[in-house]
Amino acid sequence: MNLGLVSQAAGLFAVTNIDDIVVLALFFAQGAGHRHAARAIASGQYLGFAAILAVAVAAAFGATFLPERAIPYLGLIPLALGLRAAVHAWRDRGRDEEGQHQRTGPGGPRMLEVAAVTFANGGDNLGVYVPVFATAGVGGMSFYGVVFLVLLAAWIAAGRYFATRPVIARALSRWGHILLPVVLIGIGVLILIEGGAFGL
């Protein structure tokens, strides 16, 4: 195994996905006490990232399933989900704190919501992945894909770890319902502005 290539793939993944740990921690905090929330978050993260890889591979082979000018508008996805989360937080503002954190029923982040945020937040990754994949060949792309998917499990574990540390968990438990919509809206606006969507 080429350790240099492993290091390169790991570094590329880390640099392009460092912000996902924060989003994952917020999702895990939101899902605390909900049955199957962790499974939905992990599945959604893998689904969203697999979509990013699929688009990057297709583009590396010359396909144009997602026109470059459309990528900035992916920011509308986390923006809409953030606004929705903000509305829910506003509606639940009077809920008793103890009742709020003793949830055992199904609920929390949904798989497709996590996948949508992951895909939208990874739209800028395509600009990095496509040229790398295009020059790596089929074997190299497969190698990058395997390393990325292995590291994604570590990313998910890290997000869950941070969300369950006592100090962080208390902070997220108290402020997570506010932080999640703020972060999602911020990501959405940033993607829109950096991509020049709507002439911004």
N, C-alpha and C. Protein backbone atom coordinates (compact mmCIF):
# COMPACT_ATOMS: atom_id res chain seq x y z
N MET A 1 0.84 -1.20 0.00
CA MET A 1 0.00 0.00 0.00
C MET A 1 0.88 1.24 0.00
N ASN A 2 0.53 2.20 -0.84
CA ASN A 2 1.30 3.43 -0.95
C ASN A 2 0.90 4.39 0.17
N LEU A 3 1.77 4.50 1.19
CA LEU A 3 1.44 5.35 2.34
C LEU A 3 1.34 6.82 1.94
N GLY A 4 2.12 7.20 0.92
CA GLY A 4 2.05 8.57 0.45
C GLY A 4 0.68 8.90 -0.11
N LEU A 5 0.11 7.94 -0.87
CA LEU A 5 -1.21 8.15 -1.45
C LEU A 5 -2.29 8.14 -0.37
N VAL A 6 -2.10 7.27 0.64
CA VAL A 6 -3.05 7.24 1.76
C VAL A 6 -3.04 8.58 2.48
N SER A 7 -1.84 9.10 2.74
CA SER A 7 -1.72 10.40 3.42
C SER A 7 -2.33 11.51 2.60
N GLN A 8 -2.11 11.46 1.28
CA GLN A 8 -2.68 12.48 0.40
C GLN A 8 -4.20 12.43 0.42
N ALA A 9 -4.76 11.21 0.33
CA ALA A 9 -6.21 11.06 0.34
C ALA A 9 -6.79 11.49 1.68
N ALA A 10 -6.12 11.10 2.79
CA ALA A 10 -6.59 11.46 4.12
C ALA A 10 -6.55 12.97 4.32
N GLY A 11 -5.47 13.59 3.86
CA GLY A 11 -5.34 15.04 3.99
C GLY A 11 -6.39 15.77 3.17
N LEU A 12 -6.66 15.28 1.96
CA LEU A 12 -7.67 15.89 1.10
C LEU A 12 -9.05 15.80 1.75
N PHE A 13 -9.34 14.63 2.32
CA PHE A 13 -10.64 14.46 2.99
C PHE A 13 -10.77 15.39 4.18
N ALA A 14 -9.72 15.44 5.02
CA ALA A 14 -9.77 16.24 6.25
C ALA A 14 -9.95 17.72 5.93
N VAL A 15 -9.20 18.21 4.96
CA VAL A 15 -9.25 19.64 4.63
C VAL A 15 -10.61 20.04 4.08
N THR A 16 -11.23 19.15 3.30
CA THR A 16 -12.49 19.50 2.65
C THR A 16 -13.71 19.19 3.51
N ASN A 17 -13.52 18.50 4.63
CA ASN A 17 -14.69 18.09 5.43
C ASN A 17 -14.59 18.46 6.90
N ILE A 18 -13.65 19.31 7.27
CA ILE A 18 -13.45 19.63 8.69
C ILE A 18 -14.70 20.24 9.32
N ASP A 19 -15.44 21.03 8.55
CA ASP A 19 -16.64 21.67 9.10
C ASP A 19 -17.78 20.69 9.36
N ASP A 20 -17.71 19.52 8.72
CA ASP A 20 -18.76 18.52 8.92
C ASP A 20 -18.81 17.99 10.35
N ILE A 21 -17.67 18.01 11.04
CA ILE A 21 -17.66 17.50 12.42
C ILE A 21 -18.57 18.35 13.30
N VAL A 22 -18.53 19.66 13.10
CA VAL A 22 -19.38 20.56 13.88
C VAL A 22 -20.85 20.28 13.59
N VAL A 23 -21.17 20.15 12.30
CA VAL A 23 -22.56 19.89 11.91
C VAL A 23 -23.02 18.54 12.45
N LEU A 24 -22.15 17.53 12.38
CA LEU A 24 -22.50 16.21 12.91
C LEU A 24 -22.74 16.26 14.41
N ALA A 25 -21.88 16.98 15.13
CA ALA A 25 -22.07 17.09 16.59
C ALA A 25 -23.42 17.73 16.91
N LEU A 26 -23.80 18.73 16.12
CA LEU A 26 -25.09 19.39 16.34
C LEU A 26 -26.25 18.44 16.03
N PHE A 27 -26.09 17.65 14.97
CA PHE A 27 -27.12 16.67 14.65
C PHE A 27 -27.26 15.62 15.76
N PHE A 28 -26.12 15.14 16.26
CA PHE A 28 -26.16 14.15 17.34
C PHE A 28 -26.77 14.73 18.60
N ALA A 29 -26.47 16.00 18.87
CA ALA A 29 -27.08 16.66 20.04
C ALA A 29 -28.59 16.77 19.85
N GLN A 30 -29.02 17.09 18.63
CA GLN A 30 -30.44 17.21 18.35
C GLN A 30 -31.14 15.86 18.48
N GLY A 31 -30.40 14.79 18.17
CA GLY A 31 -30.99 13.46 18.21
C GLY A 31 -30.89 12.77 19.56
N ALA A 32 -30.28 13.42 20.54
CA ALA A 32 -30.11 12.80 21.86
C ALA A 32 -31.45 12.40 22.43
N GLY A 33 -31.55 11.14 22.87
CA GLY A 33 -32.78 10.66 23.47
C GLY A 33 -33.77 10.09 22.47
N HIS A 34 -33.50 10.22 21.17
CA HIS A 34 -34.39 9.69 20.14
C HIS A 34 -33.88 8.32 19.70
N ARG A 35 -34.78 7.36 19.62
CA ARG A 35 -34.40 6.04 19.11
C ARG A 35 -33.99 6.15 17.65
N HIS A 36 -32.95 5.43 17.30
CA HIS A 36 -32.48 5.30 15.91
C HIS A 36 -31.95 6.61 15.33
N ALA A 37 -31.78 7.64 16.15
CA ALA A 37 -31.26 8.92 15.61
C ALA A 37 -29.84 8.75 15.10
N ALA A 38 -29.00 8.04 15.86
CA ALA A 38 -27.60 7.86 15.44
C ALA A 38 -27.52 7.13 14.10
N ARG A 39 -28.39 6.13 13.92
CA ARG A 39 -28.40 5.39 12.66
C ARG A 39 -28.83 6.30 11.52
N ALA A 40 -29.84 7.13 11.76
CA ALA A 40 -30.32 8.04 10.72
C ALA A 40 -29.24 9.05 10.34
N ILE A 41 -28.52 9.56 11.34
CA ILE A 41 -27.46 10.54 11.08
C ILE A 41 -26.33 9.91 10.28
N ALA A 42 -25.87 8.72 10.72
CA ALA A 42 -24.78 8.04 10.02
C ALA A 42 -25.19 7.68 8.60
N SER A 43 -26.40 7.15 8.44
CA SER A 43 -26.89 6.77 7.10
C SER A 43 -27.00 7.99 6.21
N GLY A 44 -27.52 9.08 6.77
CA GLY A 44 -27.66 10.31 6.00
C GLY A 44 -26.32 10.88 5.58
N GLN A 45 -25.35 10.82 6.48
CA GLN A 45 -24.01 11.31 6.16
C GLN A 45 -23.40 10.49 5.02
N TYR A 46 -23.53 9.18 5.10
CA TYR A 46 -22.99 8.32 4.04
C TYR A 46 -23.73 8.53 2.72
N LEU A 47 -25.04 8.68 2.80
CA LEU A 47 -25.82 8.88 1.58
C LEU A 47 -25.44 10.19 0.90
N GLY A 48 -25.35 11.26 1.68
CA GLY A 48 -24.98 12.56 1.13
C GLY A 48 -23.57 12.56 0.56
N PHE A 49 -22.64 11.92 1.27
CA PHE A 49 -21.26 11.90 0.80
C PHE A 49 -21.11 11.00 -0.43
N ALA A 50 -21.86 9.89 -0.46
CA ALA A 50 -21.82 9.02 -1.63
C ALA A 50 -22.31 9.77 -2.86
N ALA A 51 -23.31 10.64 -2.67
CA ALA A 51 -23.80 11.45 -3.79
C ALA A 51 -22.72 12.41 -4.28
N ILE A 52 -21.98 13.00 -3.33
CA ILE A 52 -20.87 13.90 -3.70
C ILE A 52 -19.83 13.13 -4.53
N LEU A 53 -19.46 11.93 -4.05
CA LEU A 53 -18.48 11.12 -4.77
C LEU A 53 -18.99 10.74 -6.15
N ALA A 54 -20.28 10.38 -6.24
CA ALA A 54 -20.85 9.98 -7.54
C ALA A 54 -20.79 11.13 -8.54
N VAL A 55 -21.13 12.33 -8.08
CA VAL A 55 -21.09 13.50 -8.97
C VAL A 55 -19.65 13.81 -9.37
N ALA A 56 -18.72 13.71 -8.40
CA ALA A 56 -17.31 14.00 -8.68
C ALA A 56 -16.74 13.00 -9.69
N VAL A 57 -17.07 11.72 -9.53
CA VAL A 57 -16.58 10.69 -10.46
C VAL A 57 -17.17 10.93 -11.85
N ALA A 58 -18.48 11.20 -11.90
CA ALA A 58 -19.14 11.45 -13.19
C ALA A 58 -18.51 12.65 -13.89
N ALA A 59 -18.26 13.71 -13.12
CA ALA A 59 -17.67 14.92 -13.70
C ALA A 59 -16.24 14.66 -14.17
N ALA A 60 -15.51 13.81 -13.42
CA ALA A 60 -14.14 13.48 -13.80
C ALA A 60 -14.11 12.74 -15.13
N PHE A 61 -15.18 11.99 -15.42
CA PHE A 61 -15.29 11.28 -16.69
C PHE A 61 -15.91 12.14 -17.77
N GLY A 62 -16.21 13.40 -17.44
CA GLY A 62 -16.72 14.32 -18.45
C GLY A 62 -18.22 14.50 -18.45
N ALA A 63 -18.93 13.82 -17.56
CA ALA A 63 -20.38 13.98 -17.50
C ALA A 63 -20.72 15.31 -16.84
N THR A 64 -21.86 15.82 -17.14
CA THR A 64 -22.28 17.12 -16.57
C THR A 64 -23.66 16.98 -15.94
N PHE A 65 -23.78 16.02 -15.01
CA PHE A 65 -25.06 15.83 -14.33
C PHE A 65 -25.43 17.05 -13.49
N LEU A 66 -24.42 17.73 -12.97
CA LEU A 66 -24.67 18.91 -12.15
C LEU A 66 -23.87 20.06 -12.74
N PRO A 67 -24.50 20.93 -13.53
CA PRO A 67 -23.77 22.05 -14.14
C PRO A 67 -23.07 22.88 -13.07
N GLU A 68 -21.90 23.38 -13.42
CA GLU A 68 -21.10 24.14 -12.44
C GLU A 68 -21.87 25.35 -11.92
N ARG A 69 -22.64 25.98 -12.77
CA ARG A 69 -23.38 27.19 -12.34
C ARG A 69 -24.49 26.86 -11.34
N ALA A 70 -24.86 25.56 -11.25
CA ALA A 70 -25.93 25.17 -10.32
C ALA A 70 -25.41 24.91 -8.92
N ILE A 71 -24.10 24.67 -8.78
CA ILE A 71 -23.53 24.29 -7.49
C ILE A 71 -23.78 25.33 -6.40
N PRO A 72 -23.59 26.63 -6.66
CA PRO A 72 -23.84 27.61 -5.59
C PRO A 72 -25.26 27.57 -5.03
N TYR A 73 -26.21 27.17 -5.88
CA TYR A 73 -27.62 27.16 -5.44
C TYR A 73 -27.91 25.99 -4.50
N LEU A 74 -26.94 25.08 -4.32
CA LEU A 74 -27.09 24.03 -3.31
C LEU A 74 -27.20 24.66 -1.92
N GLY A 75 -26.71 25.88 -1.78
CA GLY A 75 -26.80 26.58 -0.50
C GLY A 75 -28.24 26.78 -0.04
N LEU A 76 -29.18 26.71 -0.98
CA LEU A 76 -30.58 26.85 -0.61
C LEU A 76 -31.07 25.70 0.27
N ILE A 77 -30.41 24.52 0.15
CA ILE A 77 -30.84 23.35 0.93
C ILE A 77 -30.58 23.56 2.42
N PRO A 78 -29.31 23.79 2.85
CA PRO A 78 -29.11 24.03 4.29
C PRO A 78 -29.81 25.29 4.77
N LEU A 79 -29.93 26.30 3.89
CA LEU A 79 -30.63 27.53 4.28
C LEU A 79 -32.09 27.21 4.63
N ALA A 80 -32.76 26.44 3.77
CA ALA A 80 -34.16 26.08 4.02
C ALA A 80 -34.30 25.21 5.26
N LEU A 81 -33.40 24.24 5.43
CA LEU A 81 -33.45 23.37 6.60
C LEU A 81 -33.15 24.15 7.88
N GLY A 82 -32.24 25.12 7.77
CA GLY A 82 -31.92 25.96 8.92
C GLY A 82 -33.10 26.82 9.33
N LEU A 83 -33.78 27.39 8.34
CA LEU A 83 -34.96 28.20 8.63
C LEU A 83 -36.06 27.35 9.24
N ARG A 84 -36.20 26.12 8.73
CA ARG A 84 -37.20 25.21 9.30
C ARG A 84 -36.86 24.87 10.75
N ALA A 85 -35.56 24.59 11.01
CA ALA A 85 -35.13 24.29 12.38
C ALA A 85 -35.35 25.49 13.29
N ALA A 86 -35.14 26.70 12.76
CA ALA A 86 -35.35 27.91 13.55
C ALA A 86 -36.83 28.07 13.92
N VAL A 87 -37.70 27.75 12.97
CA VAL A 87 -39.15 27.83 13.24
C VAL A 87 -39.53 26.84 14.33
N HIS A 88 -38.99 25.60 14.24
CA HIS A 88 -39.27 24.59 15.26
C HIS A 88 -38.75 25.03 16.63
N ALA A 89 -37.54 25.62 16.64
CA ALA A 89 -36.96 26.08 17.90
C ALA A 89 -37.83 27.19 18.51
N TRP A 90 -38.35 28.06 17.65
CA TRP A 90 -39.21 29.15 18.14
C TRP A 90 -40.50 28.61 18.71
N ARG A 91 -41.10 27.61 18.02
CA ARG A 91 -42.35 27.02 18.50
C ARG A 91 -42.15 26.27 19.82
N ASP A 92 -40.96 25.67 20.00
CA ASP A 92 -40.71 24.86 21.20
C ASP A 92 -40.05 25.64 22.32
N ARG A 93 -39.96 26.97 22.17
CA ARG A 93 -39.20 27.76 23.14
C ARG A 93 -39.77 27.67 24.55
N GLY A 94 -41.06 27.40 24.69
CA GLY A 94 -41.66 27.36 26.02
C GLY A 94 -41.70 25.97 26.63
N ARG A 95 -41.14 24.99 25.90
CA ARG A 95 -41.18 23.62 26.41
C ARG A 95 -40.32 23.48 27.65
N ASP A 96 -40.81 22.72 28.59
CA ASP A 96 -40.07 22.49 29.82
C ASP A 96 -38.74 21.80 29.50
N GLU A 97 -37.65 22.33 30.07
CA GLU A 97 -36.32 21.83 29.74
C GLU A 97 -36.16 20.36 30.05
N GLU A 98 -36.70 19.92 31.18
CA GLU A 98 -36.54 18.52 31.54
C GLU A 98 -37.28 17.61 30.57
N GLY A 99 -38.45 18.01 30.18
CA GLY A 99 -39.21 17.22 29.22
C GLY A 99 -38.56 17.20 27.86
N GLN A 100 -37.88 18.28 27.55
CA GLN A 100 -37.27 18.40 26.24
C GLN A 100 -36.11 17.42 26.07
N HIS A 101 -35.44 17.10 27.17
CA HIS A 101 -34.24 16.28 27.06
C HIS A 101 -34.47 14.85 27.51
N GLN A 102 -35.71 14.44 27.69
CA GLN A 102 -35.98 13.06 28.05
C GLN A 102 -36.84 12.40 26.98
N ARG A 103 -36.43 12.60 25.73
CA ARG A 103 -37.18 12.07 24.61
C ARG A 103 -36.69 10.66 24.31
N THR A 104 -37.62 9.73 24.19
CA THR A 104 -37.24 8.36 23.91
C THR A 104 -37.92 7.83 22.65
N GLY A 105 -38.82 8.58 22.10
CA GLY A 105 -39.53 8.13 20.91
C GLY A 105 -38.73 8.40 19.65
N PRO A 106 -39.26 7.93 18.52
CA PRO A 106 -38.57 8.21 17.27
C PRO A 106 -38.60 9.69 16.97
N GLY A 107 -37.65 10.16 16.26
CA GLY A 107 -37.57 11.58 15.93
C GLY A 107 -36.13 12.00 15.75
N GLY A 108 -35.86 13.27 15.98
CA GLY A 108 -34.51 13.76 15.76
C GLY A 108 -34.27 13.98 14.28
N PRO A 109 -33.00 14.19 13.90
CA PRO A 109 -32.69 14.44 12.50
C PRO A 109 -33.09 13.26 11.62
N ARG A 110 -33.66 13.55 10.47
CA ARG A 110 -34.03 12.50 9.53
C ARG A 110 -32.89 12.24 8.55
N MET A 111 -32.81 11.00 8.09
CA MET A 111 -31.72 10.59 7.22
C MET A 111 -31.60 11.49 5.99
N LEU A 112 -32.72 11.77 5.33
CA LEU A 112 -32.66 12.56 4.10
C LEU A 112 -32.30 14.02 4.37
N GLU A 113 -32.66 14.53 5.55
CA GLU A 113 -32.26 15.89 5.91
C GLU A 113 -30.75 15.96 6.09
N VAL A 114 -30.20 14.97 6.81
CA VAL A 114 -28.74 14.93 7.01
C VAL A 114 -28.04 14.77 5.67
N ALA A 115 -28.57 13.89 4.81
CA ALA A 115 -27.98 13.68 3.49
C ALA A 115 -27.99 14.96 2.67
N ALA A 116 -29.10 15.69 2.72
CA ALA A 116 -29.22 16.94 1.95
C ALA A 116 -28.22 17.98 2.42
N VAL A 117 -28.07 18.11 3.74
CA VAL A 117 -27.10 19.07 4.28
C VAL A 117 -25.68 18.65 3.92
N THR A 118 -25.39 17.36 4.03
CA THR A 118 -24.05 16.85 3.69
C THR A 118 -23.73 17.13 2.23
N PHE A 119 -24.69 16.85 1.36
CA PHE A 119 -24.46 17.06 -0.08
C PHE A 119 -24.28 18.54 -0.40
N ALA A 120 -25.14 19.37 0.16
CA ALA A 120 -25.05 20.81 -0.11
C ALA A 120 -23.76 21.39 0.44
N ASN A 121 -23.39 20.97 1.65
CA ASN A 121 -22.18 21.49 2.27
C ASN A 121 -20.93 21.00 1.54
N GLY A 122 -21.07 19.89 0.83
CA GLY A 122 -19.93 19.35 0.10
C GLY A 122 -19.87 19.80 -1.34
N GLY A 123 -20.74 20.71 -1.73
CA GLY A 123 -20.74 21.18 -3.11
C GLY A 123 -19.40 21.79 -3.51
N ASP A 124 -18.78 22.52 -2.59
CA ASP A 124 -17.48 23.13 -2.90
C ASP A 124 -16.38 22.08 -2.99
N ASN A 125 -16.61 20.89 -2.38
CA ASN A 125 -15.63 19.82 -2.46
C ASN A 125 -15.44 19.35 -3.90
N LEU A 126 -16.50 19.48 -4.69
CA LEU A 126 -16.44 19.00 -6.06
C LEU A 126 -15.34 19.70 -6.85
N GLY A 127 -15.14 20.99 -6.57
CA GLY A 127 -14.10 21.74 -7.26
C GLY A 127 -12.71 21.20 -6.97
N VAL A 128 -12.55 20.52 -5.83
CA VAL A 128 -11.27 19.91 -5.47
C VAL A 128 -11.20 18.47 -5.95
N TYR A 129 -12.28 17.72 -5.73
CA TYR A 129 -12.27 16.29 -6.05
C TYR A 129 -12.19 16.01 -7.54
N VAL A 130 -12.91 16.79 -8.36
CA VAL A 130 -12.99 16.49 -9.79
C VAL A 130 -11.62 16.49 -10.46
N PRO A 131 -10.80 17.54 -10.31
CA PRO A 131 -9.49 17.49 -10.98
C PRO A 131 -8.59 16.39 -10.43
N VAL A 132 -8.68 16.13 -9.12
CA VAL A 132 -7.87 15.06 -8.53
C VAL A 132 -8.28 13.71 -9.10
N PHE A 133 -9.60 13.47 -9.15
CA PHE A 133 -10.10 12.21 -9.69
C PHE A 133 -9.76 12.07 -11.17
N ALA A 134 -9.86 13.17 -11.91
CA ALA A 134 -9.63 13.13 -13.35
C ALA A 134 -8.20 12.71 -13.67
N THR A 135 -7.26 13.07 -12.81
CA THR A 135 -5.86 12.72 -13.05
C THR A 135 -5.46 11.42 -12.37
N ALA A 136 -6.31 10.89 -11.50
CA ALA A 136 -5.95 9.69 -10.74
C ALA A 136 -6.26 8.40 -11.48
N GLY A 137 -7.15 8.46 -12.48
CA GLY A 137 -7.54 7.24 -13.17
C GLY A 137 -8.54 6.43 -12.37
N VAL A 138 -9.03 5.35 -12.96
CA VAL A 138 -10.05 4.53 -12.31
C VAL A 138 -9.54 3.94 -11.01
N GLY A 139 -8.33 3.39 -11.03
CA GLY A 139 -7.76 2.78 -9.83
C GLY A 139 -7.57 3.80 -8.72
N GLY A 140 -7.05 4.96 -9.09
CA GLY A 140 -6.83 6.02 -8.11
C GLY A 140 -8.14 6.52 -7.52
N MET A 141 -9.16 6.69 -8.38
CA MET A 141 -10.47 7.14 -7.89
C MET A 141 -11.05 6.13 -6.90
N SER A 142 -10.91 4.86 -7.22
CA SER A 142 -11.42 3.81 -6.32
C SER A 142 -10.70 3.88 -4.99
N PHE A 143 -9.39 4.09 -5.04
CA PHE A 143 -8.60 4.17 -3.81
C PHE A 143 -9.04 5.36 -2.97
N TYR A 144 -9.17 6.52 -3.60
CA TYR A 144 -9.63 7.72 -2.90
C TYR A 144 -11.00 7.47 -2.28
N GLY A 145 -11.89 6.86 -3.05
CA GLY A 145 -13.24 6.59 -2.55
C GLY A 145 -13.24 5.72 -1.32
N VAL A 146 -12.42 4.67 -1.32
CA VAL A 146 -12.34 3.76 -0.16
C VAL A 146 -11.80 4.50 1.06
N VAL A 147 -10.73 5.26 0.87
CA VAL A 147 -10.15 6.02 2.00
C VAL A 147 -11.16 7.03 2.54
N PHE A 148 -11.84 7.73 1.65
CA PHE A 148 -12.83 8.72 2.07
C PHE A 148 -13.95 8.07 2.90
N LEU A 149 -14.45 6.93 2.43
CA LEU A 149 -15.56 6.28 3.12
C LEU A 149 -15.14 5.71 4.48
N VAL A 150 -13.91 5.25 4.58
CA VAL A 150 -13.39 4.78 5.87
C VAL A 150 -13.26 5.96 6.84
N LEU A 151 -12.71 7.06 6.34
CA LEU A 151 -12.53 8.25 7.18
C LEU A 151 -13.87 8.86 7.56
N LEU A 152 -14.87 8.68 6.71
CA LEU A 152 -16.19 9.22 7.03
C LEU A 152 -16.74 8.58 8.31
N ALA A 153 -16.45 7.29 8.50
CA ALA A 153 -16.88 6.61 9.74
C ALA A 153 -16.20 7.26 10.94
N ALA A 154 -14.91 7.62 10.79
CA ALA A 154 -14.19 8.29 11.87
C ALA A 154 -14.78 9.68 12.13
N TRP A 155 -15.19 10.35 11.07
CA TRP A 155 -15.82 11.69 11.20
C TRP A 155 -17.13 11.59 11.98
N ILE A 156 -17.93 10.58 11.64
CA ILE A 156 -19.20 10.38 12.33
C ILE A 156 -18.96 10.07 13.80
N ALA A 157 -17.97 9.20 14.06
CA ALA A 157 -17.63 8.85 15.45
C ALA A 157 -17.15 10.08 16.21
N ALA A 158 -16.38 10.94 15.54
CA ALA A 158 -15.88 12.15 16.19
C ALA A 158 -17.03 13.10 16.51
N GLY A 159 -17.96 13.24 15.57
CA GLY A 159 -19.13 14.10 15.82
C GLY A 159 -19.93 13.60 17.01
N ARG A 160 -20.12 12.29 17.08
CA ARG A 160 -20.87 11.73 18.20
C ARG A 160 -20.08 11.87 19.50
N TYR A 161 -18.77 11.69 19.42
CA TYR A 161 -17.91 11.82 20.61
C TYR A 161 -18.02 13.22 21.20
N PHE A 162 -17.87 14.23 20.34
CA PHE A 162 -17.94 15.60 20.82
C PHE A 162 -19.31 15.93 21.40
N ALA A 163 -20.36 15.38 20.78
CA ALA A 163 -21.72 15.67 21.24
C ALA A 163 -22.02 15.01 22.58
N THR A 164 -21.23 13.99 22.96
CA THR A 164 -21.50 13.27 24.21
C THR A 164 -20.50 13.59 25.32
N ARG A 165 -19.54 14.48 25.06
CA ARG A 165 -18.62 14.89 26.15
C ARG A 165 -19.44 15.75 27.11
N PRO A 166 -19.30 15.52 28.42
CA PRO A 166 -20.16 16.21 29.40
C PRO A 166 -20.27 17.72 29.20
N VAL A 167 -19.13 18.40 29.08
CA VAL A 167 -19.16 19.86 28.96
C VAL A 167 -19.82 20.27 27.64
N ILE A 168 -19.39 19.62 26.55
CA ILE A 168 -19.94 19.96 25.23
C ILE A 168 -21.41 19.56 25.16
N ALA A 169 -21.72 18.37 25.72
CA ALA A 169 -23.10 17.89 25.68
C ALA A 169 -24.03 18.85 26.42
N ARG A 170 -23.57 19.37 27.56
CA ARG A 170 -24.40 20.32 28.31
C ARG A 170 -24.63 21.59 27.50
N ALA A 171 -23.54 22.06 26.86
CA ALA A 171 -23.66 23.28 26.05
C ALA A 171 -24.60 23.05 24.86
N LEU A 172 -24.42 21.90 24.19
CA LEU A 172 -25.27 21.61 23.03
C LEU A 172 -26.71 21.35 23.45
N SER A 173 -26.86 20.73 24.65
CA SER A 173 -28.20 20.47 25.15
C SER A 173 -28.94 21.78 25.41
N ARG A 174 -28.18 22.77 25.88
CA ARG A 174 -28.80 24.06 26.22
C ARG A 174 -28.95 24.95 25.00
N TRP A 175 -27.94 24.93 24.11
CA TRP A 175 -27.93 25.88 23.01
C TRP A 175 -28.03 25.25 21.63
N GLY A 176 -28.02 23.89 21.56
CA GLY A 176 -28.00 23.22 20.26
C GLY A 176 -29.18 23.56 19.38
N HIS A 177 -30.37 23.74 20.00
CA HIS A 177 -31.56 24.06 19.21
C HIS A 177 -31.45 25.43 18.55
N ILE A 178 -30.54 26.28 19.09
CA ILE A 178 -30.29 27.59 18.48
C ILE A 178 -29.11 27.50 17.52
N LEU A 179 -28.06 26.75 17.94
CA LEU A 179 -26.85 26.65 17.12
C LEU A 179 -27.10 25.95 15.80
N LEU A 180 -27.92 24.88 15.82
CA LEU A 180 -28.14 24.12 14.58
C LEU A 180 -28.71 25.00 13.47
N PRO A 181 -29.83 25.71 13.70
CA PRO A 181 -30.32 26.56 12.61
C PRO A 181 -29.35 27.67 12.23
N VAL A 182 -28.62 28.22 13.22
CA VAL A 182 -27.65 29.28 12.91
C VAL A 182 -26.55 28.74 12.00
N VAL A 183 -26.03 27.55 12.34
CA VAL A 183 -24.96 26.95 11.53
C VAL A 183 -25.47 26.60 10.14
N LEU A 184 -26.66 25.99 10.06
CA LEU A 184 -27.19 25.62 8.75
C LEU A 184 -27.47 26.84 7.88
N ILE A 185 -28.07 27.86 8.48
CA ILE A 185 -28.33 29.10 7.73
C ILE A 185 -27.01 29.73 7.29
N GLY A 186 -26.03 29.74 8.20
CA GLY A 186 -24.72 30.30 7.87
C GLY A 186 -24.05 29.57 6.72
N ILE A 187 -24.11 28.23 6.75
CA ILE A 187 -23.55 27.43 5.67
C ILE A 187 -24.25 27.75 4.35
N GLY A 188 -25.57 27.80 4.40
CA GLY A 188 -26.33 28.10 3.19
C GLY A 188 -25.99 29.45 2.60
N VAL A 189 -25.95 30.46 3.44
CA VAL A 189 -25.63 31.81 2.98
C VAL A 189 -24.22 31.88 2.43
N LEU A 190 -23.27 31.20 3.12
CA LEU A 190 -21.88 31.20 2.68
C LEU A 190 -21.73 30.55 1.30
N ILE A 191 -22.41 29.43 1.11
CA ILE A 191 -22.35 28.75 -0.19
C ILE A 191 -22.92 29.65 -1.29
N LEU A 192 -24.04 30.29 -0.99
CA LEU A 192 -24.67 31.18 -1.98
C LEU A 192 -23.75 32.36 -2.32
N ILE A 193 -23.16 32.98 -1.30
CA ILE A 193 -22.32 34.16 -1.51
C ILE A 193 -21.03 33.79 -2.23
N GLU A 194 -20.36 32.73 -1.74
CA GLU A 194 -19.07 32.34 -2.36
C GLU A 194 -19.25 31.88 -3.80
N GLY A 195 -20.41 31.30 -4.10
CA GLY A 195 -20.65 30.85 -5.45
C GLY A 195 -21.22 31.91 -6.37
N GLY A 196 -21.56 33.07 -5.80
CA GLY A 196 -22.10 34.14 -6.61
C GLY A 196 -23.53 33.91 -7.05
N ALA A 197 -24.27 33.10 -6.27
CA ALA A 197 -25.67 32.84 -6.61
C ALA A 197 -26.50 34.11 -6.53
N PHE A 198 -27.47 34.24 -7.41
CA PHE A 198 -28.36 35.41 -7.44
C PHE A 198 -27.58 36.72 -7.60
N GLY A 199 -26.39 36.62 -8.18
CA GLY A 199 -25.59 37.82 -8.40
C GLY A 199 -24.96 38.40 -7.16
N LEU A 200 -24.88 37.60 -6.08
CA LEU A 200 -24.31 38.09 -4.80
C LEU A 200 -22.81 38.30 -4.92
